[in-house]
Amino acid sequence: MILTADFGDPQSVATAVRVLQARGYGAEEIDVFSTAPVELAEAWLERPSRMSLVAVTSAVVFGLSAIAFVHYTQNDYRIVTGGMPIFSWWSNGVIFYEFTMFGSISATFIMFLLESGLLRRRRSIPPPLLEAGRIRLRLLCQAEDAAPAADCLYQAGAASVDKMEDRK
């Protein structure tokens, strides 16, 4: 079930978000839409990001994989090098760097797509069209929790609360 509540001022939206979070709703269940910026307290609707961890981990994995691949191929198929070493860090540094950057950049791009919700299919509800000065809060909740959540939204100062079924 999806509840949408219309508000006229940012203070009532902040109160509604605070009350909903006290009732156990998380940032993934609450969306706030506005035509103008709404200042909420820090970390109220914060969604944790794992993008930096994925970028560093993929860089390390791709870098080590590149080193292992180049070392294996150069030592597996020996050629006459005229006394030069078969495996040289200086001559292969560009390969290691490029593979490391490729891994980090591609993993960061994929994580961006996942975390931004561009690949998400579950919530296919488009953002609402708003009038100037209106703020809309959208809450994803269970059907049995809809009435108490609607009461909380009205008590926080919502002008109207609409219910609609979730299309999964």
N, C-alpha and C. Protein backbone atom coordinates (compact mmCIF):
# COMPACT_ATOMS: atom_id res chain seq x y z
N MET A 1 0.85 -1.16 0.00
CA MET A 1 0.00 0.00 0.00
C MET A 1 0.90 1.23 0.00
N ILE A 2 0.50 2.22 -0.75
CA ILE A 2 1.25 3.46 -0.84
C ILE A 2 0.37 4.60 -0.36
N LEU A 3 0.88 5.35 0.57
CA LEU A 3 0.19 6.55 1.06
C LEU A 3 0.91 7.77 0.53
N THR A 4 0.16 8.73 0.01
CA THR A 4 0.74 10.00 -0.41
C THR A 4 0.07 11.11 0.38
N ALA A 5 0.88 11.95 0.99
CA ALA A 5 0.37 13.04 1.82
C ALA A 5 0.88 14.37 1.27
N ASP A 6 0.00 15.35 1.20
CA ASP A 6 0.36 16.69 0.74
C ASP A 6 0.54 17.61 1.93
N PHE A 7 1.63 18.37 1.90
CA PHE A 7 1.96 19.30 2.97
C PHE A 7 2.16 20.68 2.37
N GLY A 8 1.97 21.69 3.21
CA GLY A 8 2.16 23.06 2.76
C GLY A 8 3.44 23.69 3.23
N ASP A 9 4.04 23.17 4.31
CA ASP A 9 5.25 23.78 4.84
C ASP A 9 6.28 22.70 5.21
N PRO A 10 7.56 23.04 5.14
CA PRO A 10 8.62 22.07 5.42
C PRO A 10 8.64 21.58 6.87
N GLN A 11 8.19 22.40 7.82
CA GLN A 11 8.22 21.97 9.22
C GLN A 11 7.29 20.79 9.45
N SER A 12 6.12 20.80 8.84
CA SER A 12 5.20 19.67 9.02
C SER A 12 5.73 18.42 8.33
N VAL A 13 6.44 18.56 7.22
CA VAL A 13 7.06 17.40 6.58
C VAL A 13 8.15 16.83 7.48
N ALA A 14 8.95 17.70 8.09
CA ALA A 14 10.00 17.24 9.00
C ALA A 14 9.39 16.52 10.19
N THR A 15 8.28 17.03 10.70
CA THR A 15 7.60 16.36 11.81
C THR A 15 7.07 15.00 11.37
N ALA A 16 6.50 14.93 10.18
CA ALA A 16 5.96 13.66 9.68
C ALA A 16 7.07 12.63 9.49
N VAL A 17 8.20 13.05 8.94
CA VAL A 17 9.32 12.13 8.75
C VAL A 17 9.83 11.63 10.09
N ARG A 18 9.95 12.53 11.07
CA ARG A 18 10.42 12.15 12.40
C ARG A 18 9.47 11.13 13.05
N VAL A 19 8.15 11.38 12.94
CA VAL A 19 7.16 10.47 13.53
C VAL A 19 7.18 9.11 12.83
N LEU A 20 7.27 9.13 11.51
CA LEU A 20 7.29 7.87 10.77
C LEU A 20 8.54 7.05 11.07
N GLN A 21 9.67 7.72 11.22
CA GLN A 21 10.89 6.99 11.56
C GLN A 21 10.81 6.45 12.99
N ALA A 22 10.14 7.15 13.88
CA ALA A 22 9.96 6.63 15.24
C ALA A 22 9.05 5.41 15.24
N ARG A 23 8.15 5.32 14.27
CA ARG A 23 7.26 4.16 14.15
C ARG A 23 7.93 3.00 13.42
N GLY A 24 9.17 3.16 12.97
CA GLY A 24 9.91 2.05 12.39
C GLY A 24 10.06 2.07 10.88
N TYR A 25 9.61 3.12 10.23
CA TYR A 25 9.77 3.20 8.78
C TYR A 25 11.17 3.71 8.45
N GLY A 26 11.79 3.09 7.46
CA GLY A 26 13.16 3.46 7.08
C GLY A 26 13.18 4.40 5.90
N ALA A 27 14.38 4.78 5.52
CA ALA A 27 14.56 5.73 4.41
C ALA A 27 14.12 5.14 3.08
N GLU A 28 14.18 3.82 2.93
CA GLU A 28 13.76 3.21 1.67
C GLU A 28 12.25 3.18 1.51
N GLU A 29 11.50 3.46 2.55
CA GLU A 29 10.04 3.46 2.49
C GLU A 29 9.45 4.87 2.44
N ILE A 30 10.27 5.89 2.65
CA ILE A 30 9.79 7.27 2.68
C ILE A 30 10.45 8.04 1.53
N ASP A 31 9.62 8.72 0.74
CA ASP A 31 10.11 9.60 -0.32
C ASP A 31 9.48 10.97 -0.13
N VAL A 32 10.27 12.02 -0.29
CA VAL A 32 9.78 13.40 -0.17
C VAL A 32 10.01 14.09 -1.51
N PHE A 33 8.95 14.70 -2.05
CA PHE A 33 9.02 15.41 -3.33
C PHE A 33 8.61 16.86 -3.10
N SER A 34 9.35 17.78 -3.73
CA SER A 34 9.05 19.19 -3.57
C SER A 34 9.55 19.95 -4.79
N THR A 35 8.92 21.10 -5.06
CA THR A 35 9.38 21.95 -6.16
C THR A 35 10.53 22.84 -5.72
N ALA A 36 10.71 22.99 -4.42
CA ALA A 36 11.80 23.79 -3.86
C ALA A 36 12.56 22.93 -2.85
N PRO A 37 13.80 23.24 -2.57
CA PRO A 37 14.56 22.44 -1.59
C PRO A 37 13.90 22.46 -0.22
N VAL A 38 13.90 21.30 0.42
CA VAL A 38 13.36 21.16 1.78
C VAL A 38 14.53 20.79 2.68
N GLU A 39 14.77 21.61 3.70
CA GLU A 39 15.86 21.37 4.63
C GLU A 39 15.37 20.42 5.73
N LEU A 40 15.91 19.22 5.73
CA LEU A 40 15.62 18.26 6.78
C LEU A 40 16.88 18.10 7.63
N ALA A 41 16.70 17.63 8.84
CA ALA A 41 17.86 17.41 9.71
C ALA A 41 18.79 16.40 9.05
N GLU A 42 20.05 16.53 9.35
CA GLU A 42 21.05 15.66 8.74
C GLU A 42 20.76 14.20 9.08
N ALA A 43 20.88 13.34 8.09
CA ALA A 43 20.75 11.89 8.19
C ALA A 43 19.32 11.42 8.44
N TRP A 44 18.31 12.25 8.19
CA TRP A 44 16.94 11.77 8.36
C TRP A 44 16.55 10.79 7.27
N LEU A 45 16.84 11.14 6.06
CA LEU A 45 16.54 10.24 4.95
C LEU A 45 17.81 9.75 4.28
N GLU A 46 18.83 9.58 5.08
CA GLU A 46 20.11 9.16 4.54
C GLU A 46 20.05 7.70 4.13
N ARG A 47 20.47 7.45 2.93
CA ARG A 47 20.55 6.08 2.43
C ARG A 47 22.03 5.72 2.38
N PRO A 48 22.44 4.68 3.09
CA PRO A 48 23.88 4.37 3.15
C PRO A 48 24.41 3.95 1.78
N SER A 49 25.61 4.37 1.49
CA SER A 49 26.24 4.07 0.21
C SER A 49 27.44 3.17 0.43
N ARG A 50 27.56 2.18 -0.42
CA ARG A 50 28.72 1.27 -0.37
C ARG A 50 29.60 1.48 -1.60
N MET A 51 29.42 2.60 -2.27
CA MET A 51 30.12 2.83 -3.52
C MET A 51 31.64 2.92 -3.33
N SER A 52 32.10 3.60 -2.29
CA SER A 52 33.55 3.73 -2.09
C SER A 52 34.18 2.38 -1.76
N LEU A 53 33.50 1.58 -0.96
CA LEU A 53 34.01 0.24 -0.64
C LEU A 53 34.11 -0.62 -1.89
N VAL A 54 33.09 -0.57 -2.73
CA VAL A 54 33.10 -1.36 -3.97
C VAL A 54 34.19 -0.86 -4.91
N ALA A 55 34.39 0.45 -5.00
CA ALA A 55 35.41 1.00 -5.89
C ALA A 55 36.81 0.55 -5.48
N VAL A 56 37.10 0.63 -4.19
CA VAL A 56 38.43 0.24 -3.71
C VAL A 56 38.63 -1.27 -3.83
N THR A 57 37.62 -2.03 -3.45
CA THR A 57 37.73 -3.49 -3.52
C THR A 57 37.91 -3.96 -4.96
N SER A 58 37.13 -3.41 -5.88
CA SER A 58 37.26 -3.83 -7.27
C SER A 58 38.60 -3.39 -7.85
N ALA A 59 39.12 -2.24 -7.44
CA ALA A 59 40.44 -1.81 -7.91
C ALA A 59 41.51 -2.79 -7.45
N VAL A 60 41.44 -3.20 -6.19
CA VAL A 60 42.43 -4.16 -5.67
C VAL A 60 42.30 -5.50 -6.39
N VAL A 61 41.07 -5.98 -6.55
CA VAL A 61 40.87 -7.29 -7.20
C VAL A 61 41.32 -7.24 -8.66
N PHE A 62 40.93 -6.22 -9.40
CA PHE A 62 41.34 -6.13 -10.80
C PHE A 62 42.84 -5.90 -10.93
N GLY A 63 43.43 -5.11 -10.04
CA GLY A 63 44.88 -4.89 -10.10
C GLY A 63 45.67 -6.16 -9.84
N LEU A 64 45.27 -6.90 -8.81
CA LEU A 64 45.95 -8.16 -8.51
C LEU A 64 45.71 -9.20 -9.61
N SER A 65 44.52 -9.20 -10.18
CA SER A 65 44.23 -10.11 -11.30
C SER A 65 45.09 -9.77 -12.51
N ALA A 66 45.28 -8.48 -12.77
CA ALA A 66 46.12 -8.08 -13.90
C ALA A 66 47.57 -8.51 -13.68
N ILE A 67 48.06 -8.32 -12.46
CA ILE A 67 49.44 -8.74 -12.16
C ILE A 67 49.58 -10.25 -12.33
N ALA A 68 48.62 -11.01 -11.80
CA ALA A 68 48.69 -12.47 -11.93
C ALA A 68 48.60 -12.90 -13.39
N PHE A 69 47.71 -12.28 -14.15
CA PHE A 69 47.54 -12.64 -15.56
C PHE A 69 48.81 -12.35 -16.37
N VAL A 70 49.37 -11.17 -16.19
CA VAL A 70 50.56 -10.80 -16.95
C VAL A 70 51.75 -11.66 -16.53
N HIS A 71 51.90 -11.89 -15.24
CA HIS A 71 53.00 -12.74 -14.76
C HIS A 71 52.88 -14.15 -15.32
N TYR A 72 51.67 -14.70 -15.31
CA TYR A 72 51.45 -16.06 -15.82
C TYR A 72 51.74 -16.13 -17.31
N THR A 73 51.19 -15.19 -18.09
CA THR A 73 51.37 -15.26 -19.54
C THR A 73 52.82 -15.04 -19.95
N GLN A 74 53.53 -14.15 -19.26
CA GLN A 74 54.92 -13.90 -19.65
C GLN A 74 55.84 -15.03 -19.22
N ASN A 75 55.52 -15.73 -18.16
CA ASN A 75 56.35 -16.85 -17.73
C ASN A 75 55.92 -18.16 -18.37
N ASP A 76 54.68 -18.25 -18.85
CA ASP A 76 54.22 -19.48 -19.47
C ASP A 76 54.74 -19.61 -20.90
N TYR A 77 54.78 -18.53 -21.62
CA TYR A 77 55.24 -18.55 -23.01
C TYR A 77 56.53 -17.75 -23.08
N ARG A 78 57.63 -18.43 -22.87
CA ARG A 78 58.94 -17.76 -22.81
C ARG A 78 59.44 -17.43 -24.21
N ILE A 79 59.97 -16.23 -24.32
CA ILE A 79 60.57 -15.80 -25.58
C ILE A 79 62.01 -15.36 -25.30
N VAL A 80 62.81 -15.26 -26.34
CA VAL A 80 64.18 -14.82 -26.19
C VAL A 80 64.16 -13.30 -26.03
N THR A 81 64.70 -12.84 -24.89
CA THR A 81 64.66 -11.41 -24.60
C THR A 81 66.04 -10.78 -24.62
N GLY A 82 67.04 -11.53 -24.94
CA GLY A 82 68.39 -10.99 -25.03
C GLY A 82 68.94 -10.60 -23.68
N GLY A 83 68.67 -11.37 -22.64
CA GLY A 83 69.21 -11.10 -21.32
C GLY A 83 68.33 -10.20 -20.46
N MET A 84 67.26 -9.69 -21.00
CA MET A 84 66.34 -8.85 -20.22
C MET A 84 65.40 -9.75 -19.41
N PRO A 85 64.88 -9.24 -18.31
CA PRO A 85 63.98 -10.07 -17.52
C PRO A 85 62.68 -10.37 -18.28
N ILE A 86 62.11 -11.54 -18.01
CA ILE A 86 60.85 -11.93 -18.64
C ILE A 86 59.71 -11.06 -18.10
N PHE A 87 59.68 -10.91 -16.79
CA PHE A 87 58.63 -10.12 -16.13
C PHE A 87 59.26 -8.87 -15.55
N SER A 88 58.82 -7.71 -16.01
CA SER A 88 59.37 -6.45 -15.53
C SER A 88 58.23 -5.55 -15.06
N TRP A 89 58.36 -5.04 -13.84
CA TRP A 89 57.34 -4.16 -13.30
C TRP A 89 57.21 -2.88 -14.10
N TRP A 90 58.34 -2.33 -14.55
CA TRP A 90 58.31 -1.05 -15.26
C TRP A 90 57.62 -1.17 -16.61
N SER A 91 57.88 -2.21 -17.33
CA SER A 91 57.28 -2.33 -18.67
C SER A 91 55.81 -2.72 -18.61
N ASN A 92 55.37 -3.33 -17.53
CA ASN A 92 53.98 -3.77 -17.42
C ASN A 92 53.12 -2.84 -16.56
N GLY A 93 53.70 -1.77 -16.07
CA GLY A 93 52.97 -0.86 -15.19
C GLY A 93 51.73 -0.25 -15.82
N VAL A 94 51.82 0.06 -17.12
CA VAL A 94 50.65 0.64 -17.80
C VAL A 94 49.50 -0.36 -17.83
N ILE A 95 49.80 -1.61 -18.06
CA ILE A 95 48.76 -2.65 -18.10
C ILE A 95 48.11 -2.78 -16.72
N PHE A 96 48.93 -2.80 -15.68
CA PHE A 96 48.38 -2.93 -14.32
C PHE A 96 47.49 -1.73 -13.98
N TYR A 97 47.97 -0.55 -14.33
CA TYR A 97 47.22 0.67 -14.05
C TYR A 97 45.88 0.68 -14.79
N GLU A 98 45.91 0.35 -16.06
CA GLU A 98 44.69 0.39 -16.87
C GLU A 98 43.67 -0.64 -16.38
N PHE A 99 44.10 -1.83 -16.06
CA PHE A 99 43.17 -2.84 -15.54
C PHE A 99 42.61 -2.43 -14.19
N THR A 100 43.44 -1.86 -13.35
CA THR A 100 42.98 -1.39 -12.04
C THR A 100 41.93 -0.30 -12.20
N MET A 101 42.18 0.66 -13.06
CA MET A 101 41.21 1.74 -13.28
C MET A 101 39.95 1.22 -13.95
N PHE A 102 40.08 0.30 -14.89
CA PHE A 102 38.91 -0.28 -15.54
C PHE A 102 38.00 -0.96 -14.52
N GLY A 103 38.59 -1.74 -13.63
CA GLY A 103 37.79 -2.41 -12.60
C GLY A 103 37.11 -1.44 -11.67
N SER A 104 37.84 -0.45 -11.22
CA SER A 104 37.27 0.52 -10.29
C SER A 104 36.17 1.37 -10.94
N ILE A 105 36.41 1.84 -12.14
CA ILE A 105 35.42 2.69 -12.82
C ILE A 105 34.17 1.90 -13.19
N SER A 106 34.33 0.70 -13.71
CA SER A 106 33.15 -0.08 -14.10
C SER A 106 32.33 -0.49 -12.87
N ALA A 107 32.99 -0.87 -11.78
CA ALA A 107 32.25 -1.22 -10.57
C ALA A 107 31.55 -0.01 -9.97
N THR A 108 32.20 1.16 -10.01
CA THR A 108 31.57 2.38 -9.52
C THR A 108 30.36 2.73 -10.35
N PHE A 109 30.45 2.59 -11.66
CA PHE A 109 29.30 2.89 -12.53
C PHE A 109 28.14 1.93 -12.26
N ILE A 110 28.42 0.66 -12.11
CA ILE A 110 27.36 -0.32 -11.81
C ILE A 110 26.74 -0.03 -10.46
N MET A 111 27.56 0.30 -9.46
CA MET A 111 27.03 0.63 -8.14
C MET A 111 26.17 1.89 -8.20
N PHE A 112 26.58 2.87 -9.00
CA PHE A 112 25.77 4.07 -9.17
C PHE A 112 24.39 3.72 -9.72
N LEU A 113 24.35 2.87 -10.73
CA LEU A 113 23.07 2.47 -11.30
C LEU A 113 22.20 1.74 -10.27
N LEU A 114 22.82 0.89 -9.46
CA LEU A 114 22.06 0.14 -8.46
C LEU A 114 21.57 1.04 -7.33
N GLU A 115 22.45 1.90 -6.81
CA GLU A 115 22.09 2.73 -5.66
C GLU A 115 21.17 3.88 -6.02
N SER A 116 21.23 4.35 -7.25
CA SER A 116 20.35 5.45 -7.64
C SER A 116 18.94 4.98 -7.93
N GLY A 117 18.76 3.68 -8.09
CA GLY A 117 17.43 3.14 -8.36
C GLY A 117 17.08 3.11 -9.82
N LEU A 118 18.02 3.39 -10.71
CA LEU A 118 17.72 3.38 -12.13
C LEU A 118 17.44 1.98 -12.66
N LEU A 119 17.94 0.96 -11.98
CA LEU A 119 17.69 -0.42 -12.39
C LEU A 119 16.59 -1.07 -11.56
N ARG A 120 16.01 -0.33 -10.64
CA ARG A 120 14.99 -0.88 -9.75
C ARG A 120 13.67 -1.02 -10.50
N ARG A 121 13.03 -2.16 -10.36
CA ARG A 121 11.76 -2.38 -11.03
C ARG A 121 10.61 -2.46 -10.03
N ARG A 122 10.92 -2.64 -8.78
CA ARG A 122 9.88 -2.85 -7.78
C ARG A 122 8.97 -1.64 -7.62
N ARG A 123 9.55 -0.48 -7.51
CA ARG A 123 8.77 0.74 -7.32
C ARG A 123 8.75 1.51 -8.62
N SER A 124 7.76 1.17 -9.45
CA SER A 124 7.68 1.78 -10.76
C SER A 124 6.74 2.98 -10.77
N ILE A 125 6.50 3.58 -9.63
CA ILE A 125 5.61 4.72 -9.54
C ILE A 125 6.40 5.97 -9.93
N PRO A 126 5.92 6.72 -10.91
CA PRO A 126 6.66 7.92 -11.30
C PRO A 126 6.54 9.01 -10.24
N PRO A 127 7.46 9.94 -10.22
CA PRO A 127 7.35 11.05 -9.28
C PRO A 127 6.09 11.87 -9.57
N PRO A 128 5.48 12.42 -8.54
CA PRO A 128 4.22 13.14 -8.74
C PRO A 128 4.45 14.52 -9.35
N LEU A 129 3.41 15.03 -10.01
CA LEU A 129 3.41 16.41 -10.49
C LEU A 129 2.95 17.30 -9.34
N LEU A 130 3.72 18.32 -9.03
CA LEU A 130 3.42 19.15 -7.87
C LEU A 130 3.10 20.58 -8.28
N GLU A 131 2.25 21.19 -7.49
CA GLU A 131 2.00 22.62 -7.64
C GLU A 131 3.12 23.37 -6.90
N ALA A 132 3.32 24.60 -7.25
CA ALA A 132 4.37 25.40 -6.60
C ALA A 132 4.05 25.55 -5.12
N GLY A 133 5.05 25.30 -4.30
CA GLY A 133 4.90 25.47 -2.86
C GLY A 133 4.34 24.26 -2.14
N ARG A 134 3.98 23.20 -2.85
CA ARG A 134 3.45 22.00 -2.21
C ARG A 134 4.56 20.99 -2.03
N ILE A 135 4.44 20.20 -0.99
CA ILE A 135 5.41 19.15 -0.69
C ILE A 135 4.62 17.86 -0.54
N ARG A 136 5.09 16.80 -1.19
CA ARG A 136 4.39 15.52 -1.12
C ARG A 136 5.32 14.48 -0.52
N LEU A 137 4.78 13.75 0.43
CA LEU A 137 5.49 12.65 1.08
C LEU A 137 4.83 11.36 0.63
N ARG A 138 5.62 10.41 0.18
CA ARG A 138 5.10 9.11 -0.24
C ARG A 138 5.66 8.05 0.70
N LEU A 139 4.76 7.22 1.22
CA LEU A 139 5.12 6.20 2.20
C LEU A 139 4.70 4.84 1.69
N LEU A 140 5.62 3.91 1.68
CA LEU A 140 5.34 2.53 1.32
C LEU A 140 5.12 1.76 2.61
N CYS A 141 3.93 1.20 2.79
CA CYS A 141 3.62 0.50 4.04
C CYS A 141 2.75 -0.71 3.76
N GLN A 142 2.55 -1.55 4.76
CA GLN A 142 1.65 -2.69 4.67
C GLN A 142 0.21 -2.20 4.74
N ALA A 143 -0.72 -2.98 4.21
CA ALA A 143 -2.13 -2.57 4.18
C ALA A 143 -2.69 -2.41 5.59
N GLU A 144 -2.27 -3.27 6.52
CA GLU A 144 -2.79 -3.17 7.89
C GLU A 144 -2.22 -1.99 8.65
N ASP A 145 -1.09 -1.44 8.19
CA ASP A 145 -0.49 -0.29 8.85
C ASP A 145 -0.90 1.04 8.21
N ALA A 146 -1.75 0.99 7.18
CA ALA A 146 -2.09 2.21 6.44
C ALA A 146 -2.89 3.19 7.29
N ALA A 147 -3.87 2.70 8.05
CA ALA A 147 -4.71 3.61 8.84
C ALA A 147 -3.92 4.32 9.94
N PRO A 148 -3.12 3.60 10.75
CA PRO A 148 -2.32 4.32 11.75
C PRO A 148 -1.30 5.29 11.13
N ALA A 149 -0.71 4.91 10.00
CA ALA A 149 0.25 5.80 9.35
C ALA A 149 -0.45 7.05 8.81
N ALA A 150 -1.66 6.88 8.26
CA ALA A 150 -2.42 8.03 7.77
C ALA A 150 -2.77 8.97 8.92
N ASP A 151 -3.12 8.41 10.08
CA ASP A 151 -3.40 9.25 11.25
C ASP A 151 -2.17 10.03 11.68
N CYS A 152 -1.02 9.39 11.63
CA CYS A 152 0.23 10.09 11.98
C CYS A 152 0.50 11.24 11.01
N LEU A 153 0.24 10.99 9.73
CA LEU A 153 0.46 12.04 8.73
C LEU A 153 -0.50 13.21 8.92
N TYR A 154 -1.77 12.91 9.23
CA TYR A 154 -2.73 13.99 9.50
C TYR A 154 -2.33 14.78 10.73
N GLN A 155 -1.87 14.09 11.79
CA GLN A 155 -1.46 14.77 13.01
C GLN A 155 -0.23 15.64 12.79
N ALA A 156 0.62 15.24 11.84
CA ALA A 156 1.83 16.03 11.55
C ALA A 156 1.51 17.27 10.73
N GLY A 157 0.30 17.34 10.16
CA GLY A 157 -0.07 18.54 9.41
C GLY A 157 -0.34 18.32 7.95
N ALA A 158 -0.64 17.10 7.54
CA ALA A 158 -0.93 16.83 6.14
C ALA A 158 -2.28 17.41 5.76
N ALA A 159 -2.36 18.05 4.60
CA ALA A 159 -3.62 18.59 4.12
C ALA A 159 -4.53 17.47 3.61
N SER A 160 -3.93 16.46 2.96
CA SER A 160 -4.69 15.31 2.47
C SER A 160 -3.78 14.10 2.42
N VAL A 161 -4.38 12.93 2.60
CA VAL A 161 -3.66 11.67 2.51
C VAL A 161 -4.44 10.76 1.58
N ASP A 162 -3.80 10.28 0.53
CA ASP A 162 -4.44 9.39 -0.44
C ASP A 162 -3.81 8.01 -0.33
N LYS A 163 -4.63 6.99 -0.54
CA LYS A 163 -4.15 5.60 -0.52
C LYS A 163 -4.25 5.05 -1.94
N MET A 164 -3.23 4.28 -2.31
CA MET A 164 -3.31 3.56 -3.56
C MET A 164 -2.61 2.23 -3.41
N GLU A 165 -3.05 1.26 -4.18
CA GLU A 165 -2.49 -0.08 -4.11
C GLU A 165 -1.12 -0.10 -4.78
N ASP A 166 -0.23 -0.89 -4.21
CA ASP A 166 1.12 -1.04 -4.77
C ASP A 166 1.07 -2.02 -5.91
N ARG A 167 1.58 -1.60 -7.07
CA ARG A 167 1.66 -2.50 -8.24
C ARG A 167 3.02 -3.17 -8.22
N LYS A 168 3.03 -4.45 -7.91
CA LYS A 168 4.31 -5.17 -7.82
C LYS A 168 4.60 -5.92 -9.08
